[in-house]
Amino acid sequence: MNCLIISAIYNIVYFAVPSQVEDLSLEPGSHNIAVNWNKPINNSYCVTQYVIYWLHTLSGSNDIIVVSSDENSYVIEDLDACAEYEVSVRAVNEANESTDAVTGKTRTDSVCNYHA
């Protein structure tokens, strides 16, 4: 009777998905918005980067930036004054997976609102 033993090694890689960022706050200036957030409560250890997206709600123009997982703030610059923007932040893992973004709206400061 012959016996054959086969050994196999399987590498299973599991990437935990971080939950949403916490406490998103938007602080508008005349031509910028300071964006601040806290790390996700669940699976924050697996965050490799944050994706920040902004949209000019009237014109539809938009942009995106990716920042390091070491960051918890970013200043969006060169924006139109007196304009409403929708800003989203999402935490992303190594496999580029994330939960839904946290979104807020704000209006850049009204340097154009003055009376002569």
Protein backbone atom coordinates (compact mmCIF):
# COMPACT_ATOMS: atom_id res chain seq x y z
CA MET A 1 0.00 0.00 0.00
CA ASN A 2 1.43 3.35 -1.04
CA CYS A 3 0.67 6.57 0.75
CA LEU A 4 1.09 10.00 -0.80
CA ILE A 5 1.29 13.09 1.35
CA ILE A 6 0.79 16.43 -0.30
CA SER A 7 1.37 19.58 1.63
CA ALA A 8 0.09 22.86 0.42
CA ILE A 9 0.64 26.30 1.76
CA TYR A 10 -2.00 28.89 1.10
CA ASN A 11 -1.49 32.57 1.70
CA ILE A 12 -4.78 34.20 2.40
CA VAL A 13 -4.62 37.96 2.50
CA TYR A 14 -7.48 39.81 4.13
CA PHE A 15 -7.66 43.56 3.97
CA ALA A 16 -9.88 44.99 6.66
CA VAL A 17 -11.99 47.90 5.45
CA PRO A 18 -11.84 51.02 7.62
CA SER A 19 -15.06 52.60 8.78
CA GLN A 20 -15.96 56.20 7.95
CA VAL A 21 -13.86 59.09 9.20
CA GLU A 22 -15.18 60.79 12.31
CA ASP A 23 -15.99 64.42 13.12
CA LEU A 24 -15.57 65.96 9.67
CA SER A 25 -15.36 69.74 9.95
CA LEU A 26 -15.07 72.37 7.23
CA GLU A 27 -13.68 75.84 7.98
CA PRO A 28 -14.11 78.19 5.01
CA GLY A 29 -11.84 81.07 4.12
CA SER A 30 -12.26 83.49 1.23
CA HIS A 31 -10.57 81.20 -1.31
CA ASN A 32 -9.95 78.02 0.68
CA ILE A 33 -11.55 75.45 2.95
CA ALA A 34 -9.70 73.83 5.85
CA VAL A 35 -10.86 70.21 6.12
CA ASN A 36 -10.35 68.35 9.41
CA TRP A 37 -11.34 64.84 10.47
CA ASN A 38 -10.53 62.11 12.96
CA LYS A 39 -9.48 58.56 12.16
CA PRO A 40 -12.20 55.94 11.76
CA ILE A 41 -13.21 54.18 14.95
CA ASN A 42 -13.21 50.71 13.37
CA ASN A 43 -10.15 49.32 11.57
CA SER A 44 -8.20 52.57 11.72
CA TYR A 45 -4.99 50.52 11.72
CA CYS A 46 -5.57 49.55 8.08
CA VAL A 47 -5.94 53.09 6.69
CA THR A 48 -3.20 53.74 4.13
CA GLN A 49 -4.55 57.05 2.78
CA TYR A 50 -7.42 59.49 2.81
CA VAL A 51 -9.16 60.61 -0.36
CA ILE A 52 -10.54 64.15 -0.31
CA TYR A 53 -12.96 65.18 -3.05
CA TRP A 54 -14.55 68.60 -3.56
CA LEU A 55 -17.26 69.83 -5.87
CA HIS A 56 -18.30 73.38 -6.74
CA THR A 57 -22.05 72.87 -6.45
CA LEU A 58 -22.98 75.58 -8.98
CA SER A 59 -20.45 75.01 -11.77
CA GLY A 60 -19.94 71.30 -11.24
CA SER A 61 -16.15 71.62 -11.34
CA ASN A 62 -14.43 69.18 -9.01
CA ASP A 63 -11.06 67.92 -7.89
CA ILE A 64 -9.53 65.22 -5.74
CA ILE A 65 -6.41 64.80 -3.61
CA VAL A 66 -4.98 61.80 -1.79
CA VAL A 67 -3.15 62.37 1.51
CA SER A 68 -1.20 60.07 3.78
CA SER A 69 -2.79 58.11 6.60
CA ASP A 70 -0.66 60.23 8.97
CA GLU A 71 -2.71 63.31 8.07
CA ASN A 72 -6.00 64.41 9.61
CA SER A 73 -6.38 67.76 7.87
CA TYR A 74 -5.93 69.41 4.50
CA VAL A 75 -6.47 72.92 3.14
CA ILE A 76 -8.18 73.09 -0.25
CA GLU A 77 -6.84 76.21 -1.99
CA ASP A 78 -7.60 78.35 -5.05
CA LEU A 79 -11.38 78.17 -4.67
CA ASP A 80 -13.93 80.71 -5.83
CA ALA A 81 -15.09 83.22 -3.23
CA CYS A 82 -18.76 83.23 -2.24
CA ALA A 83 -19.30 79.73 -3.64
CA GLU A 84 -20.81 76.60 -2.14
CA TYR A 85 -18.64 73.47 -2.09
CA GLU A 86 -19.41 69.88 -1.21
CA VAL A 87 -16.41 68.18 0.41
CA SER A 88 -16.03 64.44 1.01
CA VAL A 89 -13.39 62.45 2.88
CA ARG A 90 -13.00 58.68 2.86
CA ALA A 91 -10.48 56.39 4.50
CA VAL A 92 -8.93 53.82 2.17
CA ASN A 93 -7.03 50.59 2.86
CA GLU A 94 -4.13 49.01 0.94
CA ALA A 95 -6.53 47.33 -1.53
CA ASN A 96 -8.14 50.74 -2.28
CA GLU A 97 -11.31 49.67 -0.47
CA SER A 98 -13.36 51.97 1.73
CA THR A 99 -16.75 52.53 3.22
CA ASP A 100 -18.85 55.48 2.14
CA ALA A 101 -17.31 58.92 2.32
CA VAL A 102 -18.36 61.47 4.91
CA THR A 103 -19.62 64.60 3.16
CA GLY A 104 -20.32 68.17 4.19
CA LYS A 105 -21.20 71.44 2.48
CA THR A 106 -19.92 74.91 3.12
CA ARG A 107 -19.69 78.29 1.41
CA THR A 108 -16.39 80.11 1.05
CA ASP A 109 -16.32 83.41 2.90
CA SER A 110 -18.21 86.26 1.35
CA VAL A 111 -15.46 88.74 0.57
CA CYS A 112 -17.81 89.88 -2.18
CA ASN A 113 -20.53 90.84 0.31
CA TYR A 114 -19.68 94.43 1.10
CA HIS A 115 -21.59 97.66 1.05
CA ALA A 116 -20.23 100.82 -0.51
